[in-house]
Amino acid sequence: MIPRALFPLVLLALAAPVRAAEPSIVVTVSVDAAADKKPISPLIYGLNYATAAQLAELNVPLNRAGGNSASMYNWRINARNAGRDWFYESLAAGEDIFDQHGESFAALTKEAGAQPMMTVPMIGWVAKLDRDRKPLAGFSIGKYGLQEDFDEHGFAEAGNGRTLDGVPITGNDPNDAAQPDGPEDQREWIRSLVARWGTADKDGIRYYIMDNEPSAWHGMHNHVRPVGAHAQEVADLVRDYAAMVKSVDPAARIVAPEEWGWDGYRYSGFDQQHAVDHGYDRAPDRINQTKGMDYLPWLLTQWKQAGRPVDVVSVHYYPQGGEYDDKDNASSPRIELMRNRSTRDLWDTTYKNPTWINAVVALIPTLRKWVDTYYYPGTPIAITEYNWGAEDTMNGGTTQADILGIFGREGLDMAARWATPPTGSPPYLAFKLYRNYDGKNSAFGDVSVRARTPDPDKVSAFAALRKDGALTLVVINKQLDAAVPVKLDLANFSSPSDAEVWQLAGGNLTAKPAVRTNNGTIALPPQSVTLFVLRGGHG
């Protein structure tokens, strides 16, 4: 073991103008290359609907085709239904990346050397098209009358499924824009994918996702599923569709349940729908089916009894304080400070979420505990949709960098951001900082080690050892308008050479001059992400 040593860095080239008011307090980043070692899965750097060019530039190993439209994808005619997202329209797939759910998606993903995640519909219905591949409406204005809103700039026949008074239309015919579907039809799709690319153990399609957010079907696809899915129904569907996939490709890995968020982890779709008018006190499925258990842990008990049909336990998560969906105020100081803090939902077992959730989420530790308690210990866990918003700002970039660091430190197995951030945006460059900062596919380390700061809501840090012997360290200054002087305190790592420095600041990712280790501090710009690559040795 190499004795503990202190290696502060001086980097005048990185210094940003500090306001002349009060001198900032030096923040010490404490790194121990021998403590808290944990492998980092490269699959945590996944995306949803990345193009081949984006996958290649970001050196991303995982690409997911999912979301609401995937629930009703018809592989035979290459069509999808947008559900409530876009006037319940059944649409022919076009060239847009979000239209790619089938073979074209797998092809572009494999072209870039990444692994596709394909969504298998279980909802019981798939999209159908009119003559000449024209769209069809789930709530046709010609059939159901004038509605509260309609697709005035596209398919004007498609309404939003609500009367002029805002009352949901019920009793519609689900066959208007859809057709019944079942596991046998999906079996033929899996066979076609295997026929083209081979089995999962022969570099074929490795991951098959069991639909999308089944406890929200009644809200998103109420034109075909107006009643919320029962807990037992979802348990059985996943079991049966997983068996179907593995009957074609035994090496395939099944990903489920893909639930949408906090209530989707705790209550079935039927109970969520029931609670709108009656609350959760007497939730029927919780009483009669899950016997008082939270929905997701109960699903795990059912799948354990069924002989392990699920290989990766997956959920979705979006912050609920406006960080993602409050577009008008995404860059307000209030939302930005909340965004800085709310990544604690991913890891902090002492942080109580202040929104309507009003509970400790600690998502990654909670998922791990559920899986290890109710399923098979060590089963991989995944967050296959997440987004903290602010895609065009540095606050969005620092948050994305923080999230990727948390995923590695906490031992998450897989993740896929919804969706791929715009090319060149700060969140996009945050991915590049971790995966291809120099354009030569140089990346953050493979084994997470301890990195601590006094207040991770202001300055957070993540460290890892790389296979080439380097120590990589990401330091994130989350502060909105203050540069911060930082001192590095390194234990169990000797670094006789200069440190390479890369920095994401002001919307740009650039290389900075190499620096020597000596006594001093560096000033990190406000809202910046800095990567240090230290060559040397560790104990």
Protein backbone atom coordinates (compact mmCIF):
# COMPACT_ATOMS: atom_id res chain seq x y z
CA MET A 1 0.00 0.00 0.00
CA ILE A 2 1.42 3.38 -1.00
CA PRO A 3 1.46 5.81 1.94
CA ARG A 4 -1.12 8.55 1.90
CA ALA A 5 0.08 11.63 0.02
CA LEU A 6 -1.32 15.03 -0.75
CA PHE A 7 -1.20 16.26 -4.36
CA PRO A 8 -2.98 19.62 -4.81
CA LEU A 9 -3.05 20.97 -8.34
CA VAL A 10 -2.42 24.45 -9.62
CA LEU A 11 -4.06 25.42 -12.87
CA LEU A 12 -4.03 29.11 -13.60
CA ALA A 13 -5.19 28.45 -17.15
CA LEU A 14 -8.52 27.21 -15.82
CA ALA A 15 -9.13 30.19 -13.61
CA ALA A 16 -12.36 32.07 -14.24
CA PRO A 17 -12.98 35.66 -13.21
CA VAL A 18 -14.14 35.66 -9.62
CA ARG A 19 -16.36 38.49 -8.49
CA ALA A 20 -14.48 40.97 -6.37
CA ALA A 21 -16.86 40.60 -3.47
CA GLU A 22 -15.80 37.99 -0.92
CA PRO A 23 -13.04 35.41 -1.44
CA SER A 24 -14.48 31.95 -1.98
CA ILE A 25 -13.77 29.20 0.51
CA VAL A 26 -11.42 26.56 -0.84
CA VAL A 27 -13.19 23.25 -1.45
CA THR A 28 -11.14 20.14 -0.77
CA VAL A 29 -11.86 17.14 -2.98
CA SER A 30 -10.75 14.05 -1.07
CA VAL A 31 -9.92 11.04 -3.22
CA ASP A 32 -8.82 7.62 -1.99
CA ALA A 33 -7.84 5.26 -4.79
CA ALA A 34 -8.01 2.24 -2.47
CA ALA A 35 -11.44 2.88 -0.91
CA ASP A 36 -14.99 2.00 -1.99
CA LYS A 37 -13.86 0.18 -5.10
CA LYS A 38 -16.75 -0.84 -7.33
CA PRO A 39 -16.83 -1.83 -11.02
CA ILE A 40 -18.49 0.70 -13.32
CA SER A 41 -20.73 -0.85 -15.95
CA PRO A 42 -20.27 0.81 -19.37
CA LEU A 43 -24.00 0.21 -19.94
CA ILE A 44 -24.90 3.10 -17.61
CA TYR A 45 -24.00 5.49 -20.43
CA GLY A 46 -26.93 4.44 -22.64
CA LEU A 47 -29.33 6.63 -24.60
CA ASN A 48 -32.79 6.47 -26.12
CA TYR A 49 -33.10 6.91 -29.88
CA ALA A 50 -29.55 7.97 -30.64
CA THR A 51 -28.55 8.11 -34.29
CA ALA A 52 -25.58 6.11 -35.55
CA ALA A 53 -23.52 9.32 -35.71
CA GLN A 54 -24.37 10.23 -32.12
CA LEU A 55 -23.61 6.74 -30.87
CA ALA A 56 -20.23 6.82 -32.58
CA GLU A 57 -19.25 10.30 -31.40
CA LEU A 58 -20.24 9.58 -27.81
CA ASN A 59 -18.86 6.03 -27.77
CA VAL A 60 -22.15 4.89 -26.27
CA PRO A 61 -22.67 1.12 -25.89
CA LEU A 62 -26.46 1.00 -25.43
CA ASN A 63 -29.38 2.40 -27.45
CA ARG A 64 -33.02 1.95 -26.43
CA ALA A 65 -36.13 2.03 -28.60
CA GLY A 66 -38.94 2.54 -26.13
CA GLY A 67 -41.44 5.10 -24.95
CA ASN A 68 -45.16 5.40 -25.40
CA SER A 69 -45.29 4.74 -29.14
CA ALA A 70 -43.40 1.47 -28.71
CA SER A 71 -46.34 -0.05 -26.81
CA MET A 72 -48.33 -0.27 -30.03
CA TYR A 73 -45.60 -0.76 -32.63
CA ASN A 74 -46.76 -2.99 -35.50
CA TRP A 75 -43.66 -4.66 -36.89
CA ARG A 76 -45.50 -6.15 -39.88
CA ILE A 77 -46.42 -2.76 -41.36
CA ASN A 78 -43.79 -0.61 -39.58
CA ALA A 79 -46.31 1.67 -37.88
CA ARG A 80 -46.87 3.07 -34.41
CA ASN A 81 -49.62 4.73 -32.41
CA ALA A 82 -48.69 7.91 -30.55
CA GLY A 83 -51.44 7.62 -27.95
CA ARG A 84 -52.25 10.66 -25.87
CA ASP A 85 -48.86 12.17 -26.76
CA TRP A 86 -50.17 13.06 -30.23
CA PHE A 87 -53.92 12.77 -30.70
CA TYR A 88 -53.98 8.95 -30.59
CA GLU A 89 -52.79 8.78 -34.19
CA SER A 90 -51.63 5.59 -35.87
CA LEU A 91 -48.78 6.64 -38.13
CA ALA A 92 -46.50 5.03 -40.69
CA ALA A 93 -42.88 5.09 -39.63
CA GLY A 94 -40.78 7.66 -41.45
CA GLU A 95 -37.13 8.68 -41.41
CA ASP A 96 -37.20 10.43 -38.05
CA ILE A 97 -35.16 8.60 -35.42
CA PHE A 98 -38.20 8.43 -33.11
CA ASP A 99 -40.05 6.45 -35.78
CA GLN A 100 -37.46 3.69 -35.62
CA HIS A 101 -38.74 0.84 -33.47
CA GLY A 102 -37.90 -2.24 -35.49
CA GLU A 103 -35.21 -3.57 -37.81
CA SER A 104 -34.06 -0.12 -38.91
CA PHE A 105 -33.36 0.81 -35.31
CA ALA A 106 -31.42 -2.37 -34.67
CA ALA A 107 -29.45 -1.83 -37.88
CA LEU A 108 -28.38 1.76 -37.16
CA THR A 109 -27.48 0.85 -33.59
CA LYS A 110 -25.35 -2.11 -34.61
CA GLU A 111 -23.74 -0.02 -37.34
CA ALA A 112 -22.32 2.18 -34.58
CA GLY A 113 -21.13 -0.81 -32.54
CA ALA A 114 -23.78 -0.39 -29.83
CA GLN A 115 -26.30 -2.82 -28.40
CA PRO A 116 -30.00 -2.17 -29.18
CA MET A 117 -32.76 -2.54 -26.60
CA MET A 118 -35.99 -3.52 -28.38
CA THR A 119 -39.47 -3.06 -26.89
CA VAL A 120 -41.92 -5.95 -27.23
CA PRO A 121 -45.57 -4.78 -27.10
CA MET A 122 -47.72 -6.55 -24.49
CA ILE A 123 -50.66 -4.15 -24.41
CA GLY A 124 -52.78 -6.38 -26.68
CA TRP A 125 -53.19 -3.92 -29.53
CA VAL A 126 -50.95 -2.58 -32.29
CA ALA A 127 -51.32 0.26 -34.77
CA LYS A 128 -53.05 -0.17 -38.11
CA LEU A 129 -53.07 2.16 -41.10
CA ASP A 130 -55.57 3.35 -43.68
CA ARG A 131 -55.17 2.73 -47.39
CA ASP A 132 -51.88 3.93 -48.91
CA ARG A 133 -50.36 3.94 -45.42
CA LYS A 134 -52.33 6.97 -44.38
CA PRO A 135 -52.89 7.67 -40.67
CA LEU A 136 -55.92 6.67 -38.63
CA ALA A 137 -57.41 8.44 -35.63
CA GLY A 138 -58.18 6.77 -32.31
CA PHE A 139 -60.82 9.44 -31.66
CA SER A 140 -62.05 10.53 -35.07
CA ILE A 141 -63.84 13.88 -35.09
CA GLY A 142 -66.06 12.61 -37.90
CA LYS A 143 -67.17 9.68 -35.73
CA TYR A 144 -67.12 11.11 -32.19
CA GLY A 145 -67.82 14.79 -32.85
CA LEU A 146 -65.93 18.00 -32.20
CA GLN A 147 -63.34 17.74 -29.47
CA GLU A 148 -61.44 19.96 -27.09
CA ASP A 149 -58.35 19.88 -29.31
CA PHE A 150 -57.30 18.33 -32.60
CA ASP A 151 -54.26 18.01 -34.87
CA GLU A 152 -54.92 21.22 -36.77
CA HIS A 153 -51.51 21.32 -38.47
CA GLY A 154 -51.35 17.65 -39.41
CA PHE A 155 -54.12 15.07 -39.43
CA ALA A 156 -57.11 17.28 -38.68
CA GLU A 157 -59.46 14.29 -38.29
CA ALA A 158 -57.64 13.28 -35.09
CA GLY A 159 -59.07 14.65 -31.85
CA ASN A 160 -57.68 14.53 -28.33
CA GLY A 161 -60.35 12.18 -27.00
CA ARG A 162 -62.22 14.81 -24.97
CA THR A 163 -65.49 16.55 -25.73
CA LEU A 164 -65.66 20.33 -26.14
CA ASP A 165 -66.40 20.45 -22.40
CA GLY A 166 -63.25 18.48 -21.62
CA VAL A 167 -65.04 15.25 -20.70
CA PRO A 168 -63.16 12.08 -21.72
CA ILE A 169 -64.86 10.19 -24.53
CA THR A 170 -65.73 6.65 -23.51
CA GLY A 171 -67.23 3.71 -25.37
CA ASN A 172 -65.12 4.29 -28.48
CA ASP A 173 -64.20 1.42 -30.77
CA PRO A 174 -60.51 0.44 -30.24
CA ASN A 175 -60.49 -1.01 -33.75
CA ASP A 176 -60.68 2.50 -35.22
CA ALA A 177 -56.91 2.86 -35.31
CA ALA A 178 -55.64 -0.43 -33.91
CA GLN A 179 -55.91 -4.17 -34.23
CA PRO A 180 -55.70 -6.94 -31.64
CA ASP A 181 -52.27 -8.43 -30.99
CA GLY A 182 -50.83 -11.22 -28.88
CA PRO A 183 -47.68 -13.19 -28.05
CA GLU A 184 -47.87 -15.39 -31.14
CA ASP A 185 -47.59 -12.41 -33.46
CA GLN A 186 -44.72 -11.03 -31.40
CA ARG A 187 -43.04 -14.44 -31.54
CA GLU A 188 -42.86 -14.08 -35.31
CA TRP A 189 -41.18 -10.71 -34.87
CA ILE A 190 -38.54 -12.16 -32.54
CA ARG A 191 -37.96 -14.95 -35.06
CA SER A 192 -37.42 -12.40 -37.82
CA LEU A 193 -34.90 -10.49 -35.70
CA VAL A 194 -33.01 -13.68 -34.86
CA ALA A 195 -33.08 -14.72 -38.51
CA ARG A 196 -31.37 -11.47 -39.48
CA TRP A 197 -28.89 -10.98 -36.64
CA GLY A 198 -28.58 -14.32 -34.91
CA THR A 199 -29.16 -15.18 -31.28
CA ALA A 200 -28.09 -12.99 -28.37
CA ASP A 201 -25.06 -15.16 -27.63
CA LYS A 202 -23.95 -14.78 -31.26
CA ASP A 203 -24.02 -10.96 -31.24
CA GLY A 204 -27.73 -10.77 -32.03
CA ILE A 205 -30.30 -8.64 -30.21
CA ARG A 206 -29.43 -9.01 -26.53
CA TYR A 207 -32.10 -7.00 -24.68
CA TYR A 208 -35.87 -7.24 -25.04
CA ILE A 209 -37.98 -4.82 -23.03
CA MET A 210 -41.44 -5.89 -21.88
CA ASP A 211 -43.55 -2.99 -23.16
CA ASN A 212 -43.51 0.47 -21.63
CA GLU A 213 -44.99 1.73 -18.34
CA PRO A 214 -47.87 -0.77 -18.10
CA SER A 215 -49.36 0.92 -15.05
CA ALA A 216 -49.92 4.01 -17.22
CA TRP A 217 -51.57 2.29 -20.20
CA HIS A 218 -55.00 3.57 -19.18
CA GLY A 219 -53.74 7.16 -19.32
CA MET A 220 -51.61 7.01 -22.45
CA HIS A 221 -53.50 4.47 -24.55
CA ASN A 222 -57.02 4.76 -23.16
CA HIS A 223 -58.42 4.44 -26.68
CA VAL A 224 -57.57 0.72 -26.50
CA ARG A 225 -57.03 0.18 -22.75
CA PRO A 226 -59.46 2.40 -20.83
CA VAL A 227 -59.19 0.39 -17.61
CA GLY A 228 -55.96 0.36 -15.63
CA ALA A 229 -53.93 -2.84 -15.70
CA HIS A 230 -54.21 -5.06 -12.63
CA ALA A 231 -51.09 -6.14 -10.79
CA GLN A 232 -51.69 -9.82 -11.53
CA GLU A 233 -52.24 -9.07 -15.22
CA VAL A 234 -48.85 -7.37 -15.54
CA ALA A 235 -47.11 -10.13 -13.59
CA ASP A 236 -48.61 -12.75 -15.89
CA LEU A 237 -48.00 -10.82 -19.11
CA VAL A 238 -44.31 -10.33 -18.35
CA ARG A 239 -43.96 -14.00 -17.40
CA ASP A 240 -45.66 -15.19 -20.60
CA TYR A 241 -44.00 -12.78 -23.03
CA ALA A 242 -40.60 -13.43 -21.48
CA ALA A 243 -41.12 -17.16 -21.98
CA MET A 244 -42.15 -16.48 -25.58
CA VAL A 245 -38.97 -14.49 -26.29
CA LYS A 246 -36.75 -17.11 -24.69
CA SER A 247 -38.48 -19.90 -26.59
CA VAL A 248 -37.04 -18.28 -29.72
CA ASP A 249 -33.75 -17.03 -28.24
CA PRO A 250 -32.82 -18.62 -24.91
CA ALA A 251 -29.83 -16.29 -24.55
CA ALA A 252 -31.97 -13.14 -24.76
CA ARG A 253 -32.16 -10.94 -21.68
CA ILE A 254 -35.57 -9.75 -20.53
CA VAL A 255 -35.96 -6.22 -19.14
CA ALA A 256 -39.00 -5.31 -16.99
CA PRO A 257 -41.23 -3.82 -15.60
CA GLU A 258 -40.29 -0.41 -17.08
CA GLU A 259 -42.60 1.43 -14.68
CA TRP A 260 -42.96 5.17 -14.90
CA GLY A 261 -42.16 6.60 -11.47
CA TRP A 262 -42.90 6.73 -7.75
CA ASP A 263 -46.60 5.77 -7.89
CA GLY A 264 -45.78 3.30 -10.65
CA TYR A 265 -43.44 1.48 -8.27
CA ARG A 266 -46.02 1.32 -5.49
CA TYR A 267 -49.43 0.88 -7.12
CA SER A 268 -50.84 -0.99 -10.09
CA GLY A 269 -52.44 0.89 -12.97
CA PHE A 270 -55.87 -0.17 -11.72
CA ASP A 271 -55.14 1.30 -8.28
CA GLN A 272 -53.73 4.50 -9.75
CA GLN A 273 -56.87 4.96 -11.81
CA HIS A 274 -59.09 4.14 -8.83
CA ALA A 275 -57.20 6.66 -6.67
CA VAL A 276 -58.15 9.60 -8.91
CA ASP A 277 -61.62 9.58 -7.38
CA HIS A 278 -61.13 7.53 -4.22
CA GLY A 279 -57.57 8.01 -3.03
CA TYR A 280 -55.18 5.23 -2.10
CA ASP A 281 -56.59 4.30 1.30
CA ARG A 282 -58.64 1.39 -0.07
CA ALA A 283 -56.73 0.60 -3.26
CA PRO A 284 -58.39 -2.61 -4.59
CA ASP A 285 -55.31 -4.35 -6.01
CA ARG A 286 -53.24 -3.52 -2.94
CA ILE A 287 -55.90 -5.21 -0.81
CA ASN A 288 -56.86 -8.14 -3.03
CA GLN A 289 -53.78 -8.93 -5.11
CA THR A 290 -50.55 -7.57 -3.63
CA LYS A 291 -51.80 -8.09 -0.05
CA GLY A 292 -50.48 -4.77 1.21
CA MET A 293 -47.14 -4.92 -0.59
CA ASP A 294 -45.87 -2.22 -2.89
CA TYR A 295 -46.55 -3.17 -6.50
CA LEU A 296 -43.00 -3.50 -7.83
CA PRO A 297 -41.63 -5.62 -4.96
CA TRP A 298 -44.73 -7.79 -5.27
CA LEU A 299 -44.07 -8.27 -9.00
CA LEU A 300 -40.60 -9.51 -8.09
CA THR A 301 -42.06 -12.13 -5.74
CA GLN A 302 -44.33 -13.35 -8.54
CA TRP A 303 -41.49 -13.59 -11.03
CA LYS A 304 -39.31 -15.38 -8.53
CA GLN A 305 -42.04 -18.00 -8.15
CA ALA A 306 -42.22 -18.22 -11.95
CA GLY A 307 -38.54 -19.19 -12.21
CA ARG A 308 -36.74 -15.94 -13.00
CA PRO A 309 -38.29 -14.73 -16.27
CA VAL A 310 -36.78 -11.23 -15.85
CA ASP A 311 -33.02 -10.70 -16.24
CA VAL A 312 -32.84 -6.94 -15.67
CA VAL A 313 -35.19 -5.08 -13.29
CA SER A 314 -35.89 -1.68 -14.81
CA VAL A 315 -37.73 1.53 -13.99
CA HIS A 316 -38.05 5.10 -15.23
CA TYR A 317 -37.51 8.23 -13.18
CA TYR A 318 -38.11 11.94 -13.76
CA PRO A 319 -37.75 14.62 -11.05
CA GLN A 320 -41.09 16.03 -9.94
CA GLY A 321 -40.24 19.58 -8.89
CA GLY A 322 -40.36 21.13 -12.37
CA GLU A 323 -36.74 20.31 -13.25
CA TYR A 324 -37.79 18.35 -16.31
CA ASP A 325 -41.20 19.61 -17.37
CA ASP A 326 -41.27 23.30 -16.38
CA LYS A 327 -39.89 24.57 -19.69
CA ASP A 328 -40.76 28.22 -19.03
CA ASN A 329 -38.76 28.33 -15.79
CA ALA A 330 -36.09 25.73 -16.59
CA SER A 331 -33.35 28.35 -16.23
CA SER A 332 -34.73 30.20 -13.23
CA PRO A 333 -32.40 30.17 -10.21
CA ARG A 334 -35.07 28.39 -8.16
CA ILE A 335 -35.36 25.49 -10.60
CA GLU A 336 -31.61 25.35 -11.22
CA LEU A 337 -30.86 25.07 -7.51
CA MET A 338 -33.52 22.40 -7.20
CA ARG A 339 -31.98 20.57 -10.16
CA ASN A 340 -28.58 20.68 -8.41
CA ARG A 341 -30.06 19.16 -5.29
CA SER A 342 -32.61 16.71 -6.64
CA THR A 343 -30.07 14.25 -8.04
CA ARG A 344 -29.93 13.14 -4.40
CA ASP A 345 -33.10 11.20 -5.25
CA LEU A 346 -30.84 8.71 -7.00
CA TRP A 347 -28.66 7.83 -4.00
CA ASP A 348 -29.19 9.68 -0.73
CA THR A 349 -30.95 7.54 1.89
CA THR A 350 -31.36 10.60 4.15
CA TYR A 351 -32.88 12.95 1.54
CA LYS A 352 -36.66 13.36 1.67
CA ASN A 353 -38.06 14.38 -1.69
CA PRO A 354 -39.86 17.73 -1.14
CA THR A 355 -42.45 17.36 -3.92
CA TRP A 356 -45.75 15.47 -3.82
CA ILE A 357 -43.67 12.32 -3.36
CA ASN A 358 -42.86 13.47 0.20
CA ALA A 359 -40.68 10.45 0.93
CA VAL A 360 -37.13 9.18 0.70
CA VAL A 361 -36.63 7.85 -2.83
CA ALA A 362 -32.93 6.82 -2.84
CA LEU A 363 -33.73 5.10 -6.11
CA ILE A 364 -30.62 3.02 -6.75
CA PRO A 365 -30.26 1.69 -3.17
CA THR A 366 -34.02 1.10 -3.04
CA LEU A 367 -34.05 -0.89 -6.28
CA ARG A 368 -31.07 -2.92 -5.13
CA LYS A 369 -32.75 -3.68 -1.79
CA TRP A 370 -36.00 -4.72 -3.46
CA VAL A 371 -34.24 -7.00 -5.92
CA ASP A 372 -31.98 -8.57 -3.33
CA THR A 373 -34.88 -9.07 -0.90
CA TYR A 374 -37.71 -10.21 -3.16
CA TYR A 375 -36.00 -11.59 -6.26
CA TYR A 376 -32.55 -13.00 -6.95
CA PRO A 377 -29.71 -11.10 -5.24
CA GLY A 378 -27.35 -9.47 -7.69
CA THR A 379 -29.85 -9.30 -10.56
CA PRO A 380 -28.94 -6.22 -12.66
CA ILE A 381 -30.97 -3.05 -12.08
CA ALA A 382 -31.60 -0.35 -14.68
CA ILE A 383 -33.04 3.13 -15.14
CA THR A 384 -34.04 3.03 -18.78
CA GLU A 385 -35.62 6.49 -18.89
CA TYR A 386 -34.59 9.61 -17.00
CA ASN A 387 -34.19 13.30 -17.77
CA TRP A 388 -33.52 16.35 -15.57
CA GLY A 389 -34.30 18.92 -18.29
CA ALA A 390 -32.52 22.17 -19.26
CA GLU A 391 -30.95 20.63 -22.35
CA ASP A 392 -29.73 23.96 -23.73
CA THR A 393 -28.06 25.23 -20.56
CA MET A 394 -24.91 24.51 -18.60
CA ASN A 395 -27.06 23.69 -15.59
CA GLY A 396 -28.44 20.82 -17.65
CA GLY A 397 -24.88 19.82 -18.50
CA THR A 398 -23.61 19.83 -14.93
CA THR A 399 -26.66 17.85 -13.83
CA GLN A 400 -26.13 15.24 -16.54
CA ALA A 401 -22.47 14.90 -15.53
CA ASP A 402 -23.55 14.54 -11.90
CA ILE A 403 -26.04 11.80 -12.83
CA LEU A 404 -23.48 9.80 -14.81
CA GLY A 405 -21.06 10.02 -11.91
CA ILE A 406 -23.73 8.87 -9.47
CA PHE A 407 -24.66 5.91 -11.66
CA GLY A 408 -21.06 4.70 -11.62
CA ARG A 409 -20.42 5.31 -7.94
CA GLU A 410 -23.67 3.66 -6.82
CA GLY A 411 -23.22 0.54 -8.93
CA LEU A 412 -26.18 0.89 -11.29
CA ASP A 413 -25.98 -1.76 -14.02
CA MET A 414 -27.74 -0.08 -16.96
CA ALA A 415 -29.24 3.28 -17.87
CA ALA A 416 -30.61 5.04 -20.92
CA ARG A 417 -31.33 8.77 -20.97
CA TRP A 418 -34.62 9.94 -22.46
CA ALA A 419 -33.87 10.99 -25.04
CA THR A 420 -30.52 11.68 -26.69
CA PRO A 421 -29.71 15.34 -26.00
CA PRO A 422 -29.24 17.60 -29.04
CA THR A 423 -25.82 17.17 -30.61
CA GLY A 424 -23.37 19.66 -29.13
CA SER A 425 -25.63 20.66 -26.22
CA PRO A 426 -24.18 20.75 -22.68
CA PRO A 427 -25.80 17.42 -21.65
CA TYR A 428 -24.54 15.85 -24.88
CA LEU A 429 -21.03 17.09 -24.12
CA ALA A 430 -21.33 15.71 -20.58
CA PHE A 431 -21.68 12.26 -22.14
CA LYS A 432 -18.70 12.99 -24.35
CA LEU A 433 -16.62 14.02 -21.35
CA TYR A 434 -17.21 10.59 -19.79
CA ARG A 435 -16.98 8.50 -22.95
CA ASN A 436 -14.88 10.19 -25.64
CA TYR A 437 -13.38 13.40 -24.31
CA ASP A 438 -10.40 13.39 -26.69
CA GLY A 439 -12.08 12.06 -29.83
CA LYS A 440 -10.11 8.80 -29.44
CA ASN A 441 -12.71 7.03 -27.26
CA SER A 442 -10.77 7.75 -24.08
CA ALA A 443 -13.21 7.46 -21.21
CA PHE A 444 -13.80 7.74 -17.49
CA GLY A 445 -12.40 4.88 -15.42
CA ASP A 446 -13.68 1.33 -15.04
CA VAL A 447 -13.57 1.03 -11.23
CA SER A 448 -15.17 3.67 -9.04
CA VAL A 449 -13.16 4.83 -6.02
CA ARG A 450 -13.93 7.22 -3.20
CA ALA A 451 -14.27 10.94 -4.00
CA ARG A 452 -15.86 13.28 -1.48
CA THR A 453 -16.65 16.97 -1.20
CA PRO A 454 -18.13 18.93 1.73
CA ASP A 455 -21.39 19.81 -0.05
CA PRO A 456 -22.30 17.85 -3.22
CA ASP A 457 -25.18 20.26 -3.93
CA LYS A 458 -22.53 22.88 -4.73
CA VAL A 459 -19.46 20.89 -5.78
CA SER A 460 -19.56 17.15 -6.47
CA ALA A 461 -16.77 14.80 -7.51
CA PHE A 462 -16.36 11.29 -8.89
CA ALA A 463 -13.19 9.27 -9.29
CA ALA A 464 -12.28 6.02 -10.98
CA LEU A 465 -9.31 3.86 -11.89
CA ARG A 466 -8.81 3.01 -15.54
CA LYS A 467 -7.35 -0.15 -17.04
CA ASP A 468 -4.31 1.75 -18.28
CA GLY A 469 -3.45 2.69 -14.69
CA ALA A 470 -4.76 6.26 -14.83
CA LEU A 471 -6.92 7.85 -12.16
CA THR A 472 -9.76 9.87 -13.68
CA LEU A 473 -11.47 12.53 -11.60
CA VAL A 474 -14.55 14.56 -12.53
CA VAL A 475 -15.18 17.69 -10.44
CA ILE A 476 -18.47 19.54 -10.98
CA ASN A 477 -18.96 23.12 -9.86
CA LYS A 478 -22.75 23.37 -9.71
CA GLN A 479 -22.79 26.92 -8.37
CA LEU A 480 -24.75 29.23 -10.65
CA ASP A 481 -22.53 32.30 -10.65
CA ALA A 482 -19.46 31.67 -8.49
CA ALA A 483 -16.12 30.20 -9.41
CA VAL A 484 -14.72 27.94 -6.72
CA PRO A 485 -11.10 27.29 -5.73
CA VAL A 486 -10.52 23.56 -5.43
CA LYS A 487 -7.71 21.59 -3.80
CA LEU A 488 -7.22 17.90 -4.47
CA ASP A 489 -6.32 15.60 -1.60
CA LEU A 490 -5.23 12.25 -3.06
CA ALA A 491 -4.63 9.11 -1.03
CA ASN A 492 -3.12 5.85 -2.27
CA PHE A 493 -2.16 7.23 -5.64
CA SER A 494 1.16 8.65 -6.77
CA SER A 495 1.18 10.93 -9.82
CA PRO A 496 4.67 11.89 -10.89
CA SER A 497 3.58 13.20 -14.28
CA ASP A 498 1.44 16.12 -15.41
CA ALA A 499 -2.32 15.78 -15.26
CA GLU A 500 -4.35 16.05 -18.45
CA VAL A 501 -7.29 18.42 -18.09
CA TRP A 502 -10.54 18.62 -20.04
CA GLN A 503 -13.31 21.03 -19.19
CA LEU A 504 -16.97 21.58 -20.08
CA ALA A 505 -17.77 25.25 -19.46
CA GLY A 506 -19.70 27.94 -21.28
CA GLY A 507 -21.29 25.30 -23.50
CA ASN A 508 -17.96 24.04 -24.87
CA LEU A 509 -15.80 21.00 -24.14
CA THR A 510 -12.11 21.85 -24.53
CA ALA A 511 -8.71 20.53 -23.61
CA LYS A 512 -6.71 22.64 -21.17
CA PRO A 513 -2.94 22.72 -20.70
CA ALA A 514 -1.53 19.87 -18.66
CA VAL A 515 -0.77 20.74 -15.05
CA ARG A 516 1.78 19.64 -12.48
CA THR A 517 0.97 18.45 -9.01
CA ASN A 518 2.17 20.98 -6.45
CA ASN A 519 0.86 23.14 -3.64
CA GLY A 520 -2.03 25.35 -4.68
CA THR A 521 -5.63 25.51 -5.81
CA ILE A 522 -7.52 25.83 -9.06
CA ALA A 523 -10.51 28.05 -9.75
CA LEU A 524 -13.27 26.14 -11.48
CA PRO A 525 -15.73 28.32 -13.42
CA PRO A 526 -19.35 28.47 -12.31
CA GLN A 527 -21.51 25.72 -13.79
CA SER A 528 -18.60 23.70 -15.13
CA VAL A 529 -17.40 20.10 -15.31
CA THR A 530 -13.67 19.40 -15.17
CA LEU A 531 -11.99 16.07 -15.91
CA PHE A 532 -8.49 15.35 -14.61
CA VAL A 533 -6.57 12.37 -15.96
CA LEU A 534 -3.67 11.50 -13.66
CA ARG A 535 -1.09 8.96 -14.73
CA GLY A 536 0.70 7.10 -12.00
CA GLY A 537 0.19 4.21 -9.63
CA HIS A 538 -2.15 3.15 -6.88
CA GLY A 539 -2.08 0.75 -3.99
